[in-house]
Amino acid sequence: MARFFDSKGNAGANRMVDLLKERGIAYPQGIPPEWSRQKEIMVAAEDLEAAERILCSPPRGEA
């Protein structure tokens, strides 16, 4: 597994999880609880490149 995304809140982490789901990229369950400051999302090493493309792509409807 490789660290893919850190967010300072649940909103960012939840949005990223939604994008990963949409594109069929697996990630382990277990975003830290609400009280945790760090929201780390891990993906499989072989999915890291595809997951990183999500970060670089414009939001849908803005391309």
PDB file of N, CA and C in Angstrom:
ATOM      1  N   MET A   1       0.846  -1.182   0.000  1.00  0.00           N
ATOM      2  CA  MET A   1       0.000   0.000   0.000  1.00  0.00           C
ATOM      3  C   MET A   1       0.893   1.247   0.000  1.00  0.00           C
ATOM      4  N   ALA A   2       0.379   2.291  -0.610  1.00  0.00           N
ATOM      5  CA  ALA A   2       1.098   3.554  -0.673  1.00  0.00           C
ATOM      6  C   ALA A   2       0.182   4.669  -0.202  1.00  0.00           C
ATOM      7  N   ARG A   3       0.761   5.612   0.545  1.00  0.00           N
ATOM      8  CA  ARG A   3      -0.045   6.750   0.971  1.00  0.00           C
ATOM      9  C   ARG A   3      -0.361   7.582  -0.257  1.00  0.00           C
ATOM     10  N   PHE A   4      -1.624   7.890  -0.416  1.00  0.00           N
ATOM     11  CA  PHE A   4      -2.078   8.599  -1.601  1.00  0.00           C
ATOM     12  C   PHE A   4      -2.537  10.008  -1.282  1.00  0.00           C
ATOM     13  N   PHE A   5      -3.266  10.183  -0.192  1.00  0.00           N
ATOM     14  CA  PHE A   5      -3.937  11.463   0.036  1.00  0.00           C
ATOM     15  C   PHE A   5      -4.063  11.730   1.522  1.00  0.00           C
ATOM     16  N   ASP A   6      -3.746  12.937   1.935  1.00  0.00           N
ATOM     17  CA  ASP A   6      -3.972  13.398   3.303  1.00  0.00           C
ATOM     18  C   ASP A   6      -4.850  14.628   3.235  1.00  0.00           C
ATOM     19  N   SER A   7      -5.863  14.646   4.058  1.00  0.00           N
ATOM     20  CA  SER A   7      -6.776  15.780   4.103  1.00  0.00           C
ATOM     21  C   SER A   7      -6.883  16.253   5.537  1.00  0.00           C
ATOM     22  N   LYS A   8      -7.198  17.500   5.724  1.00  0.00           N
ATOM     23  CA  LYS A   8      -7.353  18.018   7.071  1.00  0.00           C
ATOM     24  C   LYS A   8      -8.760  17.848   7.610  1.00  0.00           C
ATOM     25  N   GLY A   9      -9.654  17.286   6.836  1.00  0.00           N
ATOM     26  CA  GLY A   9     -11.025  17.110   7.306  1.00  0.00           C
ATOM     27  C   GLY A   9     -11.744  16.006   6.562  1.00  0.00           C
ATOM     28  N   ASN A  10     -12.878  15.625   7.085  1.00  0.00           N
ATOM     29  CA  ASN A  10     -13.646  14.542   6.480  1.00  0.00           C
ATOM     30  C   ASN A  10     -14.182  14.895   5.112  1.00  0.00           C
ATOM     31  N   ALA A  11     -14.524  16.149   4.864  1.00  0.00           N
ATOM     32  CA  ALA A  11     -15.105  16.518   3.571  1.00  0.00           C
ATOM     33  C   ALA A  11     -14.148  16.179   2.430  1.00  0.00           C
ATOM     34  N   GLY A  12     -12.893  16.576   2.556  1.00  0.00           N
ATOM     35  CA  GLY A  12     -11.911  16.278   1.513  1.00  0.00           C
ATOM     36  C   GLY A  12     -11.658  14.793   1.365  1.00  0.00           C
ATOM     37  N   ALA A  13     -11.541  14.099   2.479  1.00  0.00           N
ATOM     38  CA  ALA A  13     -11.298  12.653   2.446  1.00  0.00           C
ATOM     39  C   ALA A  13     -12.487  11.926   1.833  1.00  0.00           C
ATOM     40  N   ASN A  14     -13.685  12.308   2.217  1.00  0.00           N
ATOM     41  CA  ASN A  14     -14.879  11.652   1.675  1.00  0.00           C
ATOM     42  C   ASN A  14     -15.013  11.896   0.179  1.00  0.00           C
ATOM     43  N   ARG A  15     -14.704  13.104  -0.278  1.00  0.00           N
ATOM     44  CA  ARG A  15     -14.770  13.407  -1.714  1.00  0.00           C
ATOM     45  C   ARG A  15     -13.768  12.550  -2.474  1.00  0.00           C
ATOM     46  N   MET A  16     -12.560  12.401  -1.931  1.00  0.00           N
ATOM     47  CA  MET A  16     -11.556  11.607  -2.604  1.00  0.00           C
ATOM     48  C   MET A  16     -11.969  10.137  -2.661  1.00  0.00           C
ATOM     49  N   VAL A  17     -12.554   9.630  -1.578  1.00  0.00           N
ATOM     50  CA  VAL A  17     -13.052   8.251  -1.569  1.00  0.00           C
ATOM     51  C   VAL A  17     -14.123   8.075  -2.638  1.00  0.00           C
ATOM     52  N   ASP A  18     -15.010   9.050  -2.785  1.00  0.00           N
ATOM     53  CA  ASP A  18     -16.044   8.975  -3.825  1.00  0.00           C
ATOM     54  C   ASP A  18     -15.419   8.894  -5.218  1.00  0.00           C
ATOM     55  N   LEU A  19     -14.381   9.703  -5.461  1.00  0.00           N
ATOM     56  CA  LEU A  19     -13.712   9.683  -6.762  1.00  0.00           C
ATOM     57  C   LEU A  19     -13.019   8.343  -7.014  1.00  0.00           C
ATOM     58  N   LEU A  20     -12.393   7.795  -5.983  1.00  0.00           N
ATOM     59  CA  LEU A  20     -11.748   6.487  -6.128  1.00  0.00           C
ATOM     60  C   LEU A  20     -12.781   5.416  -6.458  1.00  0.00           C
ATOM     61  N   LYS A  21     -13.913   5.456  -5.757  1.00  0.00           N
ATOM     62  CA  LYS A  21     -14.983   4.486  -6.022  1.00  0.00           C
ATOM     63  C   LYS A  21     -15.483   4.599  -7.451  1.00  0.00           C
ATOM     64  N   GLU A  22     -15.718   5.836  -7.924  1.00  0.00           N
ATOM     65  CA  GLU A  22     -16.214   6.065  -9.281  1.00  0.00           C
ATOM     66  C   GLU A  22     -15.311   5.434 -10.326  1.00  0.00           C
ATOM     67  N   ARG A  23     -14.022   5.464 -10.063  1.00  0.00           N
ATOM     68  CA  ARG A  23     -13.050   4.974 -11.046  1.00  0.00           C
ATOM     69  C   ARG A  23     -12.588   3.546 -10.760  1.00  0.00           C
ATOM     70  N   GLY A  24     -13.191   2.903  -9.781  1.00  0.00           N
ATOM     71  CA  GLY A  24     -12.888   1.505  -9.498  1.00  0.00           C
ATOM     72  C   GLY A  24     -11.535   1.256  -8.873  1.00  0.00           C
ATOM     73  N   ILE A  25     -10.990   2.245  -8.188  1.00  0.00           N
ATOM     74  CA  ILE A  25      -9.691   2.083  -7.531  1.00  0.00           C
ATOM     75  C   ILE A  25      -9.936   1.651  -6.091  1.00  0.00           C
ATOM     76  N   ALA A  26      -9.342   0.531  -5.726  1.00  0.00           N
ATOM     77  CA  ALA A  26      -9.537  -0.018  -4.386  1.00  0.00           C
ATOM     78  C   ALA A  26      -8.725   0.772  -3.357  1.00  0.00           C
ATOM     79  N   TYR A  27      -9.274   0.893  -2.185  1.00  0.00           N
ATOM     80  CA  TYR A  27      -8.591   1.530  -1.062  1.00  0.00           C
ATOM     81  C   TYR A  27      -9.091   0.810   0.187  1.00  0.00           C
ATOM     82  N   PRO A  28      -8.262   0.717   1.207  1.00  0.00           N
ATOM     83  CA  PRO A  28      -8.737   0.040   2.412  1.00  0.00           C
ATOM     84  C   PRO A  28      -9.732   0.909   3.162  1.00  0.00           C
ATOM     85  N   GLN A  29     -10.673   0.276   3.803  1.00  0.00           N
ATOM     86  CA  GLN A  29     -11.603   1.021   4.649  1.00  0.00           C
ATOM     87  C   GLN A  29     -10.819   1.564   5.833  1.00  0.00           C
ATOM     88  N   GLY A  30     -11.361   2.526   6.495  1.00  0.00           N
ATOM     89  CA  GLY A  30     -10.721   2.986   7.712  1.00  0.00           C
ATOM     90  C   GLY A  30     -10.173   4.383   7.669  1.00  0.00           C
ATOM     91  N   ILE A  31     -10.890   5.307   7.024  1.00  0.00           N
ATOM     92  CA  ILE A  31     -10.505   6.712   7.172  1.00  0.00           C
ATOM     93  C   ILE A  31     -10.572   6.993   8.668  1.00  0.00           C
ATOM     94  N   PRO A  32      -9.568   7.637   9.220  1.00  0.00           N
ATOM     95  CA  PRO A  32      -9.577   7.878  10.669  1.00  0.00           C
ATOM     96  C   PRO A  32     -10.848   8.584  11.129  1.00  0.00           C
ATOM     97  N   PRO A  33     -11.205   8.415  12.389  1.00  0.00           N
ATOM     98  CA  PRO A  33     -12.436   9.009  12.901  1.00  0.00           C
ATOM     99  C   PRO A  33     -12.434  10.532  12.828  1.00  0.00           C
ATOM    100  N   GLU A  34     -13.620  11.110  12.975  1.00  0.00           N
ATOM    101  CA  GLU A  34     -13.816  12.561  12.863  1.00  0.00           C
ATOM    102  C   GLU A  34     -12.844  13.351  13.734  1.00  0.00           C
ATOM    103  N   TRP A  35     -12.572  12.874  14.929  1.00  0.00           N
ATOM    104  CA  TRP A  35     -11.716  13.634  15.846  1.00  0.00           C
ATOM    105  C   TRP A  35     -10.250  13.627  15.445  1.00  0.00           C
ATOM    106  N   SER A  36      -9.863  12.729  14.561  1.00  0.00           N
ATOM    107  CA  SER A  36      -8.472  12.652  14.129  1.00  0.00           C
ATOM    108  C   SER A  36      -8.180  13.791  13.164  1.00  0.00           C
ATOM    109  N   ARG A  37      -7.038  14.415  13.304  1.00  0.00           N
ATOM    110  CA  ARG A  37      -6.669  15.518  12.409  1.00  0.00           C
ATOM    111  C   ARG A  37      -6.206  15.032  11.050  1.00  0.00           C
ATOM    112  N   GLN A  38      -5.659  13.853  10.991  1.00  0.00           N
ATOM    113  CA  GLN A  38      -5.131  13.351   9.733  1.00  0.00           C
ATOM    114  C   GLN A  38      -6.107  12.394   9.087  1.00  0.00           C
ATOM    115  N   LYS A  39      -6.394  12.605   7.842  1.00  0.00           N
ATOM    116  CA  LYS A  39      -7.306  11.766   7.064  1.00  0.00           C
ATOM    117  C   LYS A  39      -6.492  11.158   5.928  1.00  0.00           C
ATOM    118  N   GLU A  40      -5.820  10.063   6.203  1.00  0.00           N
ATOM    119  CA  GLU A  40      -4.939   9.446   5.236  1.00  0.00           C
ATOM    120  C   GLU A  40      -5.677   8.364   4.458  1.00  0.00           C
ATOM    121  N   ILE A  41      -5.494   8.363   3.150  1.00  0.00           N
ATOM    122  CA  ILE A  41      -6.083   7.341   2.296  1.00  0.00           C
ATOM    123  C   ILE A  41      -4.927   6.606   1.630  1.00  0.00           C
ATOM    124  N   MET A  42      -4.962   5.296   1.708  1.00  0.00           N
ATOM    125  CA  MET A  42      -3.941   4.459   1.103  1.00  0.00           C
ATOM    126  C   MET A  42      -4.548   3.766  -0.123  1.00  0.00           C
ATOM    127  N   VAL A  43      -3.727   3.552  -1.133  1.00  0.00           N
ATOM    128  CA  VAL A  43      -4.147   2.766  -2.291  1.00  0.00           C
ATOM    129  C   VAL A  43      -3.053   1.742  -2.573  1.00  0.00           C
ATOM    130  N   ALA A  44      -3.397   0.705  -3.320  1.00  0.00           N
ATOM    131  CA  ALA A  44      -2.406  -0.289  -3.715  1.00  0.00           C
ATOM    132  C   ALA A  44      -1.356   0.379  -4.591  1.00  0.00           C
ATOM    133  N   ALA A  45      -0.118  -0.050  -4.461  1.00  0.00           N
ATOM    134  CA  ALA A  45       0.974   0.552  -5.223  1.00  0.00           C
ATOM    135  C   ALA A  45       0.693   0.535  -6.723  1.00  0.00           C
ATOM    136  N   GLU A  46       0.071  -0.532  -7.213  1.00  0.00           N
ATOM    137  CA  GLU A  46      -0.202  -0.613  -8.649  1.00  0.00           C
ATOM    138  C   GLU A  46      -1.312   0.353  -9.089  1.00  0.00           C
ATOM    139  N   ASP A  47      -2.100   0.867  -8.149  1.00  0.00           N
ATOM    140  CA  ASP A  47      -3.163   1.827  -8.461  1.00  0.00           C
ATOM    141  C   ASP A  47      -2.748   3.277  -8.213  1.00  0.00           C
ATOM    142  N   LEU A  48      -1.543   3.475  -7.706  1.00  0.00           N
ATOM    143  CA  LEU A  48      -1.123   4.822  -7.306  1.00  0.00           C
ATOM    144  C   LEU A  48      -1.125   5.802  -8.478  1.00  0.00           C
ATOM    145  N   GLU A  49      -0.609   5.388  -9.620  1.00  0.00           N
ATOM    146  CA  GLU A  49      -0.559   6.295 -10.774  1.00  0.00           C
ATOM    147  C   GLU A  49      -1.960   6.725 -11.204  1.00  0.00           C
ATOM    148  N   ALA A  50      -2.893   5.786 -11.263  1.00  0.00           N
ATOM    149  CA  ALA A  50      -4.270   6.118 -11.642  1.00  0.00           C
ATOM    150  C   ALA A  50      -4.915   7.030 -10.605  1.00  0.00           C
ATOM    151  N   ALA A  51      -4.637   6.778  -9.342  1.00  0.00           N
ATOM    152  CA  ALA A  51      -5.199   7.611  -8.284  1.00  0.00           C
ATOM    153  C   ALA A  51      -4.633   9.033  -8.362  1.00  0.00           C
ATOM    154  N   GLU A  52      -3.353   9.150  -8.668  1.00  0.00           N
ATOM    155  CA  GLU A  52      -2.742  10.481  -8.779  1.00  0.00           C
ATOM    156  C   GLU A  52      -3.327  11.270  -9.946  1.00  0.00           C
ATOM    157  N   ARG A  53      -3.724  10.576 -11.005  1.00  0.00           N
ATOM    158  CA  ARG A  53      -4.355  11.278 -12.140  1.00  0.00           C
ATOM    159  C   ARG A  53      -5.662  11.940 -11.708  1.00  0.00           C
ATOM    160  N   ILE A  54      -6.343  11.360 -10.736  1.00  0.00           N
ATOM    161  CA  ILE A  54      -7.572  11.960 -10.232  1.00  0.00           C
ATOM    162  C   ILE A  54      -7.280  13.341  -9.656  1.00  0.00           C
ATOM    163  N   LEU A  55      -6.176  13.457  -8.934  1.00  0.00           N
ATOM    164  CA  LEU A  55      -5.813  14.748  -8.326  1.00  0.00           C
ATOM    165  C   LEU A  55      -5.503  15.797  -9.376  1.00  0.00           C
ATOM    166  N   CYS A  56      -4.963  15.371 -10.511  1.00  0.00           N
ATOM    167  CA  CYS A  56      -4.545  16.308 -11.552  1.00  0.00           C
ATOM    168  C   CYS A  56      -5.647  16.648 -12.543  1.00  0.00           C
ATOM    169  N   SER A  57      -6.748  15.906 -12.506  1.00  0.00           N
ATOM    170  CA  SER A  57      -7.810  16.142 -13.477  1.00  0.00           C
ATOM    171  C   SER A  57      -8.779  17.196 -12.956  1.00  0.00           C
ATOM    172  N   PRO A  58      -9.345  18.000 -13.846  1.00  0.00           N
ATOM    173  CA  PRO A  58     -10.316  19.009 -13.403  1.00  0.00           C
ATOM    174  C   PRO A  58     -11.592  18.326 -12.932  1.00  0.00           C
ATOM    175  N   PRO A  59     -12.298  18.954 -12.006  1.00  0.00           N
ATOM    176  CA  PRO A  59     -13.585  18.389 -11.563  1.00  0.00           C
ATOM    177  C   PRO A  59     -14.510  18.220 -12.748  1.00  0.00           C
ATOM    178  N   ARG A  60     -15.361  17.215 -12.691  1.00  0.00           N
ATOM    179  CA  ARG A  60     -16.298  16.968 -13.790  1.00  0.00           C
ATOM    180  C   ARG A  60     -17.182  18.188 -14.004  1.00  0.00           C
ATOM    181  N   GLY A  61     -17.392  18.502 -15.268  1.00  0.00           N
ATOM    182  CA  GLY A  61     -18.211  19.652 -15.605  1.00  0.00           C
ATOM    183  C   GLY A  61     -17.404  20.927 -15.774  1.00  0.00           C
ATOM    184  N   GLU A  62     -16.078  20.868 -15.482  1.00  0.00           N
ATOM    185  CA  GLU A  62     -15.251  22.062 -15.629  1.00  0.00           C
ATOM    186  C   GLU A  62     -14.208  21.901 -16.726  1.00  0.00           C
ATOM    187  N   ALA A  63     -14.227  20.779 -17.422  1.00  0.00           N
ATOM    188  CA  ALA A  63     -13.200  20.555 -18.466  1.00  0.00           C
ATOM    189  C   ALA A  63     -13.589  21.200 -19.763  1.00  0.00           C
TER     190      ALA A  63
END
